[in-house]
Amino acid sequence: MASLADNEAKRGPVAPDALAARELVRTATASREELVEISLDAIDHRDADLHAWAHIDPSHARRQARSCGSAGILDGVCIGVKDIIDTVDLPTEYGSPIYRGHRPTVDASCVSALSRAGAIIVGKTVTTELAFTEPAITRNPIAPHLTPGASSCGSAAAVADGMVAIAIGTQLSASIVRPASYCGVLGFKPTLGTISTAGIKPASATLDTVGVFARTVDDLALAYCALAPPEELQLAELARPPRLGLVRTAQSDQADTSAHDVFDLVARTVEQAGGTIEDRVTSPPLDALPHAQECVGTYDMARALSHEQLHAPQLLSATVKAMIQQGLEIGPGERAAAITLRDQAAYALPELFGRCDALLTFAVTGEPPSRSSTGDPVFGRAWTFLGLPCVCLPGGLGPNGLPIGVQLVGRHGTDQKLLEIAKWVIQRLPIHNTGKSI
C-alpha cells in the first residue's frame, strides 16, 4: 500500500484511494483528520486553476472527521457531492444564480447514506447550470483547455486530480460516462432506481440516476454498497474470463477513428487475455433509442423547470431557455411513443445479450472536445433510457495522448457482476499497466 508521503510526492497532496484510506484509519496509520487535511490541501493547491468545487467548508469537514464514531465501510474516505444534491450543512445552488445561497433543510438520501457509512463530505462539486448542457467553469485536469464533460464535471475532475477518492454525480443522458472518459477515471451508473434520488434537483423521474466516480473499481464498489445494498459488497474473482457482446449501434459512425481504435484495442485485449468477444446485432428499436431518450429527457426537463421559467427567466442562460422551449413543443403523445419504443427495445434485450455476461460499446465519440462544449451524449442515451447498469473505464489514449473511455453495459440488476467484469477487464488493459497516472 502506498504511504501518504508517496501520494503527496506525486504532485503535491493527493488523497489516497478509498480502500487505502479506510485501511489507514483502521490500522491507526493515519487519522481521519489527517486524511481530511490532505484533501483540503490538494484543493487549496490546485482548485484555483481547476474550479472543480462550488463550495468548500474546511471547518465542517474537520468537524465531521472529529465527530465520526462509526467504523463504517467508508470510514475516513473524503468525498465530493455534485451541487444538485441537497446538503444541510453546505449550500446547494444547482449551478444556477437563481439559487445563490440556497440552504436545504434536509440532506438528500444519498448524502445521509454516505454519512452513515463514515464518509467525510468535503464539499460540493461544480455542475453545469441546473445540470444541463451550458458548459461550467471546471477545467479538464489533464488538458485545461478542453472540456471535463457534462453536468457531473466537477465530480469527475476532483477525483481525477486526486482531491478526493470518490465523488457522486448524476446522469440523465451521459453525465457520468462523458466526464469519466474525458478525465480518465472510472464512472459507474447503477441500475435505474437502485439508489434513491430523494433530495436531488429533479429533471426526469424516468431517467435521473445517481452515479459514482473513482479511480479504482474497488472504490466504485465501496461507494455503491454504501449507497444501495444492505451490506458490504465483496467483488469476487470471475470463475472464468468474461464473454462480452461487441455492440456497434447505428450511431457508431459518429465515433471518430481514435474512438474506434481504442474500442478495437479493448476487444483484442479481452480476447488475448482469454475472454470471448461476440459481435451482437442491434434491433431497430434500440438503434432509435438515442432520439427517443432525447425526446423524453427534453420533455421532462422543460416541465421540471417550470418554477425557474416562471419566476426567474432573466437568470436562465440562452442555452437552457432554448432547451425549455424545445421541450414545451414536444407533446404528451410524442413522449408516449418514445416510451413505447423503449419498451420494445427492452423486450429485445435478452436476444441482444444472448450468452454474454455484459456488452462492450462506445462511451464517447473521441477525445475531449473544447471547453465550449460538454461533448456528445449519444453513446449514453440508449442505456440510460433502458435503465441498465453501465461502467465507463479508460480504454486507451487518443492521438493527443488523452484518455478515451469504453462502456460496459450489464443486464438490469446485475450491478455487482458488472463491477467484477469491469475489474477483470481494466486489470488487463495496457493503459492500466503502464505504471503512469492518466
Foldseek 3Di string as FASTA:
>chain_A
DDDQVNCCVPPHQFQDAQVVQLVCCVVVVDALLVNLVSLVRLCVVPCVLFQFAPDFDSVQLNVLRVPDPDSALRASFEEEEALQFADQVAQRQLQFPVRVPPHDPDGFLLVVLCVVRNYRYGHHTAFHRNQDWFFDPGAQPVHRQFALFGGNSSQLRCQLSRSGFKYKDKDQQQRQLLNCQQNFWKKKFAFQPQFDPGRGLDQANLFITMIMTGRALQSRQSSSCSGGPPDRFDQDADPFQFEAEEDDAPCNVLADPQLVVLLVQLVVLSVVVPYHYHYFDADPLLNCQLVLSLLRRLLRRLVSCPVCVVPPVVRDDPVVVVSNVVNVPRDPVSNVVSLVSLVVRLVCVCVRCPVGQWYKYFRFRAHTGGSSTNGDSSVRRSLSSNSWMKMWHFRAAGPVRGTGTIMITGDRPCRSSSSSNVNVSLVRHPVNPPPDRD
